[in-house]
Amino acid sequence: MIPRPFDLVINPETAFQIAELVREFDASDMQPTSADADAPPASMDDMSLIEAGTQASADPIESGLTATINDLSIDAQRDLLALLWVGRGDYPAADWSQARRQARHTRHLHVAQYLEQTPLASDYLVQALNELGYDQEDYEND
């Protein structure tokens, strides 16, 4: 095991898997399906439900992403949020504890929806993990 200066609550392998799920979600979200073309525009009430995370998704990728994140402990979800912020540049890797503290003070965690709505979220997660000393190649299945 390689010693790292920053320990995570979230398993790094899980974080890399979530980054891949976010990447798949982004790719699928950009390709309209025939069902999308036939569907009427969402009403404001529908949008409120989606943002609140109370409406089930028919998209298997989105459902898998949401389930994976919701199955994490609260502390692991907070790590995921802090990773996003570090990868995006809101905090340098050296301030990991500060990013984690800010995530701890976030009242309402809708991490899955936040990742889905953040452009380049998968890249940010991978970037942060790399900056914290976790290399994706160490966690890839052979």
C-alpha atoms as a PDB file:
ATOM      1  CA  MET A   1       0.000   0.000   0.000  1.00  0.00           C
ATOM      2  CA  ILE A   2       1.336   3.382  -0.998  1.00  0.00           C
ATOM      3  CA  PRO A   3       1.300   5.910   1.849  1.00  0.00           C
ATOM      4  CA  ARG A   4      -0.690   9.006   0.909  1.00  0.00           C
ATOM      5  CA  PRO A   5      -0.740  12.366   2.633  1.00  0.00           C
ATOM      6  CA  PHE A   6      -4.552  12.543   2.395  1.00  0.00           C
ATOM      7  CA  ASP A   7      -6.883   9.818   3.635  1.00  0.00           C
ATOM      8  CA  LEU A   8     -10.368   9.503   2.225  1.00  0.00           C
ATOM      9  CA  VAL A   9     -13.529   8.174   3.809  1.00  0.00           C
ATOM     10  CA  ILE A  10     -14.774   7.181   0.363  1.00  0.00           C
ATOM     11  CA  ASN A  11     -13.020   4.197  -1.153  1.00  0.00           C
ATOM     12  CA  PRO A  12     -10.908   5.602  -4.041  1.00  0.00           C
ATOM     13  CA  GLU A  13     -12.019   2.734  -6.273  1.00  0.00           C
ATOM     14  CA  THR A  14     -15.644   3.723  -5.647  1.00  0.00           C
ATOM     15  CA  ALA A  15     -14.827   7.371  -6.382  1.00  0.00           C
ATOM     16  CA  PHE A  16     -13.240   6.396  -9.712  1.00  0.00           C
ATOM     17  CA  GLN A  17     -16.295   4.227 -10.516  1.00  0.00           C
ATOM     18  CA  ILE A  18     -18.586   7.167  -9.769  1.00  0.00           C
ATOM     19  CA  ALA A  19     -16.471   9.378 -12.035  1.00  0.00           C
ATOM     20  CA  GLU A  20     -16.982   6.822 -14.807  1.00  0.00           C
ATOM     21  CA  LEU A  21     -20.744   6.698 -14.150  1.00  0.00           C
ATOM     22  CA  VAL A  22     -20.888  10.504 -14.339  1.00  0.00           C
ATOM     23  CA  ARG A  23     -18.982  10.368 -17.642  1.00  0.00           C
ATOM     24  CA  GLU A  24     -21.465   7.789 -18.992  1.00  0.00           C
ATOM     25  CA  PHE A  25     -24.391   9.897 -17.752  1.00  0.00           C
ATOM     26  CA  ASP A  26     -23.000  12.988 -19.505  1.00  0.00           C
ATOM     27  CA  ALA A  27     -22.548  11.030 -22.741  1.00  0.00           C
ATOM     28  CA  SER A  28     -26.055   9.565 -22.608  1.00  0.00           C
ATOM     29  CA  ASP A  29     -27.573  12.910 -21.649  1.00  0.00           C
ATOM     30  CA  MET A  30     -26.250  14.500 -24.842  1.00  0.00           C
ATOM     31  CA  GLN A  31     -27.918  11.933 -27.115  1.00  0.00           C
ATOM     32  CA  PRO A  32     -31.682  12.460 -27.340  1.00  0.00           C
ATOM     33  CA  THR A  33     -33.783   9.339 -27.537  1.00  0.00           C
ATOM     34  CA  SER A  34     -36.948   8.986 -29.572  1.00  0.00           C
ATOM     35  CA  ALA A  35     -38.880   9.051 -26.276  1.00  0.00           C
ATOM     36  CA  ASP A  36     -37.344  12.463 -25.533  1.00  0.00           C
ATOM     37  CA  ALA A  37     -38.494  13.828 -28.867  1.00  0.00           C
ATOM     38  CA  ASP A  38     -42.087  12.660 -28.267  1.00  0.00           C
ATOM     39  CA  ALA A  39     -42.284  13.809 -24.648  1.00  0.00           C
ATOM     40  CA  PRO A  40     -43.867  17.149 -23.807  1.00  0.00           C
ATOM     41  CA  PRO A  41     -41.618  19.681 -22.096  1.00  0.00           C
ATOM     42  CA  ALA A  42     -41.307  19.208 -18.344  1.00  0.00           C
ATOM     43  CA  SER A  43     -43.463  21.465 -16.239  1.00  0.00           C
ATOM     44  CA  MET A  44     -41.972  23.582 -13.483  1.00  0.00           C
ATOM     45  CA  ASP A  45     -43.412  21.151 -10.924  1.00  0.00           C
ATOM     46  CA  ASP A  46     -41.598  18.258 -12.632  1.00  0.00           C
ATOM     47  CA  MET A  47     -38.342  20.227 -12.529  1.00  0.00           C
ATOM     48  CA  SER A  48     -38.793  20.925  -8.817  1.00  0.00           C
ATOM     49  CA  LEU A  49     -39.261  17.219  -8.152  1.00  0.00           C
ATOM     50  CA  ILE A  50     -36.147  16.336 -10.123  1.00  0.00           C
ATOM     51  CA  GLU A  51     -34.047  18.915  -8.310  1.00  0.00           C
ATOM     52  CA  ALA A  52     -35.325  17.637  -4.980  1.00  0.00           C
ATOM     53  CA  GLY A  53     -34.318  14.128  -5.968  1.00  0.00           C
ATOM     54  CA  THR A  54     -37.797  12.709  -5.377  1.00  0.00           C
ATOM     55  CA  GLN A  55     -38.647  11.557  -8.887  1.00  0.00           C
ATOM     56  CA  ALA A  56     -37.408   8.179 -10.058  1.00  0.00           C
ATOM     57  CA  SER A  57     -35.460   8.174 -13.301  1.00  0.00           C
ATOM     58  CA  ALA A  58     -36.210   5.969 -16.270  1.00  0.00           C
ATOM     59  CA  ASP A  59     -32.569   6.326 -17.370  1.00  0.00           C
ATOM     60  CA  PRO A  60     -30.646   3.259 -16.125  1.00  0.00           C
ATOM     61  CA  ILE A  61     -27.342   5.156 -16.063  1.00  0.00           C
ATOM     62  CA  GLU A  62     -28.808   7.956 -13.972  1.00  0.00           C
ATOM     63  CA  SER A  63     -30.534   5.437 -11.702  1.00  0.00           C
ATOM     64  CA  GLY A  64     -27.275   3.540 -11.226  1.00  0.00           C
ATOM     65  CA  LEU A  65     -25.361   6.726 -10.472  1.00  0.00           C
ATOM     66  CA  THR A  66     -27.960   7.916  -7.984  1.00  0.00           C
ATOM     67  CA  ALA A  67     -28.169   4.507  -6.272  1.00  0.00           C
ATOM     68  CA  THR A  68     -24.382   4.200  -6.020  1.00  0.00           C
ATOM     69  CA  ILE A  69     -24.067   7.636  -4.425  1.00  0.00           C
ATOM     70  CA  ASN A  70     -27.072   7.211  -2.132  1.00  0.00           C
ATOM     71  CA  ASP A  71     -25.647   3.898  -0.888  1.00  0.00           C
ATOM     72  CA  LEU A  72     -22.549   5.726   0.378  1.00  0.00           C
ATOM     73  CA  SER A  73     -22.284   6.882   3.968  1.00  0.00           C
ATOM     74  CA  ILE A  74     -22.902  10.581   4.568  1.00  0.00           C
ATOM     75  CA  ASP A  75     -19.167  11.094   5.198  1.00  0.00           C
ATOM     76  CA  ALA A  76     -18.280   9.369   1.918  1.00  0.00           C
ATOM     77  CA  GLN A  77     -20.792  11.587   0.086  1.00  0.00           C
ATOM     78  CA  ARG A  78     -19.170  14.609   1.673  1.00  0.00           C
ATOM     79  CA  ASP A  79     -15.767  13.385   0.480  1.00  0.00           C
ATOM     80  CA  LEU A  80     -17.213  13.125  -3.031  1.00  0.00           C
ATOM     81  CA  LEU A  81     -18.402  16.711  -2.809  1.00  0.00           C
ATOM     82  CA  ALA A  82     -15.017  17.880  -1.485  1.00  0.00           C
ATOM     83  CA  LEU A  83     -13.266  15.963  -4.287  1.00  0.00           C
ATOM     84  CA  LEU A  84     -15.354  17.807  -6.849  1.00  0.00           C
ATOM     85  CA  TRP A  85     -14.373  21.140  -5.335  1.00  0.00           C
ATOM     86  CA  VAL A  86     -10.667  20.262  -5.231  1.00  0.00           C
ATOM     87  CA  GLY A  87     -10.710  19.007  -8.835  1.00  0.00           C
ATOM     88  CA  ARG A  88     -12.547  22.130  -9.975  1.00  0.00           C
ATOM     89  CA  GLY A  89      -9.941  24.328  -8.291  1.00  0.00           C
ATOM     90  CA  ASP A  90     -12.113  25.756  -5.524  1.00  0.00           C
ATOM     91  CA  TYR A  91      -9.566  24.385  -3.038  1.00  0.00           C
ATOM     92  CA  PRO A  92      -5.982  23.294  -3.625  1.00  0.00           C
ATOM     93  CA  ALA A  93      -5.214  19.689  -2.705  1.00  0.00           C
ATOM     94  CA  ALA A  94      -3.145  20.953   0.226  1.00  0.00           C
ATOM     95  CA  ASP A  95      -6.384  22.355   1.697  1.00  0.00           C
ATOM     96  CA  TRP A  96      -8.191  18.999   1.583  1.00  0.00           C
ATOM     97  CA  SER A  97      -9.243  19.278   5.219  1.00  0.00           C
ATOM     98  CA  GLN A  98     -10.788  22.700   4.532  1.00  0.00           C
ATOM     99  CA  ALA A  99     -12.730  21.356   1.515  1.00  0.00           C
ATOM    100  CA  ARG A 100     -13.912  18.444   3.636  1.00  0.00           C
ATOM    101  CA  ARG A 101     -14.936  20.808   6.446  1.00  0.00           C
ATOM    102  CA  GLN A 102     -16.964  22.914   3.969  1.00  0.00           C
ATOM    103  CA  ALA A 103     -18.684  19.752   2.690  1.00  0.00           C
ATOM    104  CA  ARG A 104     -19.489  18.807   6.284  1.00  0.00           C
ATOM    105  CA  HIS A 105     -21.277  22.148   6.709  1.00  0.00           C
ATOM    106  CA  THR A 106     -23.385  21.641   3.584  1.00  0.00           C
ATOM    107  CA  ARG A 107     -26.899  21.146   4.912  1.00  0.00           C
ATOM    108  CA  HIS A 108     -28.757  19.372   2.128  1.00  0.00           C
ATOM    109  CA  LEU A 109     -26.783  16.746   0.290  1.00  0.00           C
ATOM    110  CA  HIS A 110     -28.126  16.022  -3.178  1.00  0.00           C
ATOM    111  CA  VAL A 111     -24.731  14.869  -4.380  1.00  0.00           C
ATOM    112  CA  ALA A 112     -25.971  12.809  -7.332  1.00  0.00           C
ATOM    113  CA  GLN A 113     -27.984  15.698  -8.748  1.00  0.00           C
ATOM    114  CA  TYR A 114     -25.107  18.098  -8.093  1.00  0.00           C
ATOM    115  CA  LEU A 115     -22.693  15.879 -10.028  1.00  0.00           C
ATOM    116  CA  GLU A 116     -25.190  15.411 -12.854  1.00  0.00           C
ATOM    117  CA  GLN A 117     -25.616  19.179 -13.182  1.00  0.00           C
ATOM    118  CA  THR A 118     -21.918  20.068 -12.944  1.00  0.00           C
ATOM    119  CA  PRO A 119     -20.172  20.159 -16.322  1.00  0.00           C
ATOM    120  CA  LEU A 120     -16.913  18.165 -16.305  1.00  0.00           C
ATOM    121  CA  ALA A 121     -17.716  16.621 -12.898  1.00  0.00           C
ATOM    122  CA  SER A 122     -16.099  13.298 -13.851  1.00  0.00           C
ATOM    123  CA  ASP A 123     -12.898  15.087 -14.880  1.00  0.00           C
ATOM    124  CA  TYR A 124     -12.900  17.059 -11.621  1.00  0.00           C
ATOM    125  CA  LEU A 125     -13.238  13.902  -9.532  1.00  0.00           C
ATOM    126  CA  VAL A 126     -10.381  12.164 -11.318  1.00  0.00           C
ATOM    127  CA  GLN A 127      -8.228  15.314 -11.150  1.00  0.00           C
ATOM    128  CA  ALA A 128      -8.769  15.646  -7.391  1.00  0.00           C
ATOM    129  CA  LEU A 129      -8.041  11.986  -6.754  1.00  0.00           C
ATOM    130  CA  ASN A 130      -4.809  12.311  -8.721  1.00  0.00           C
ATOM    131  CA  GLU A 131      -3.840  15.472  -6.839  1.00  0.00           C
ATOM    132  CA  LEU A 132      -4.437  13.674  -3.543  1.00  0.00           C
ATOM    133  CA  GLY A 133      -2.143  10.820  -4.576  1.00  0.00           C
ATOM    134  CA  TYR A 134      -4.654   8.287  -5.885  1.00  0.00           C
ATOM    135  CA  ASP A 135      -3.828   7.036  -9.389  1.00  0.00           C
ATOM    136  CA  GLN A 136      -6.688   5.581 -11.409  1.00  0.00           C
ATOM    137  CA  GLU A 137      -4.457   2.854 -12.820  1.00  0.00           C
ATOM    138  CA  ASP A 138      -4.039   1.446  -9.289  1.00  0.00           C
ATOM    139  CA  TYR A 139      -7.798   0.868  -9.114  1.00  0.00           C
ATOM    140  CA  GLU A 140      -8.650  -0.393 -12.592  1.00  0.00           C
ATOM    141  CA  ASN A 141      -9.859  -3.957 -12.911  1.00  0.00           C
ATOM    142  CA  ASP A 142      -7.653  -6.085 -15.106  1.00  0.00           C
END
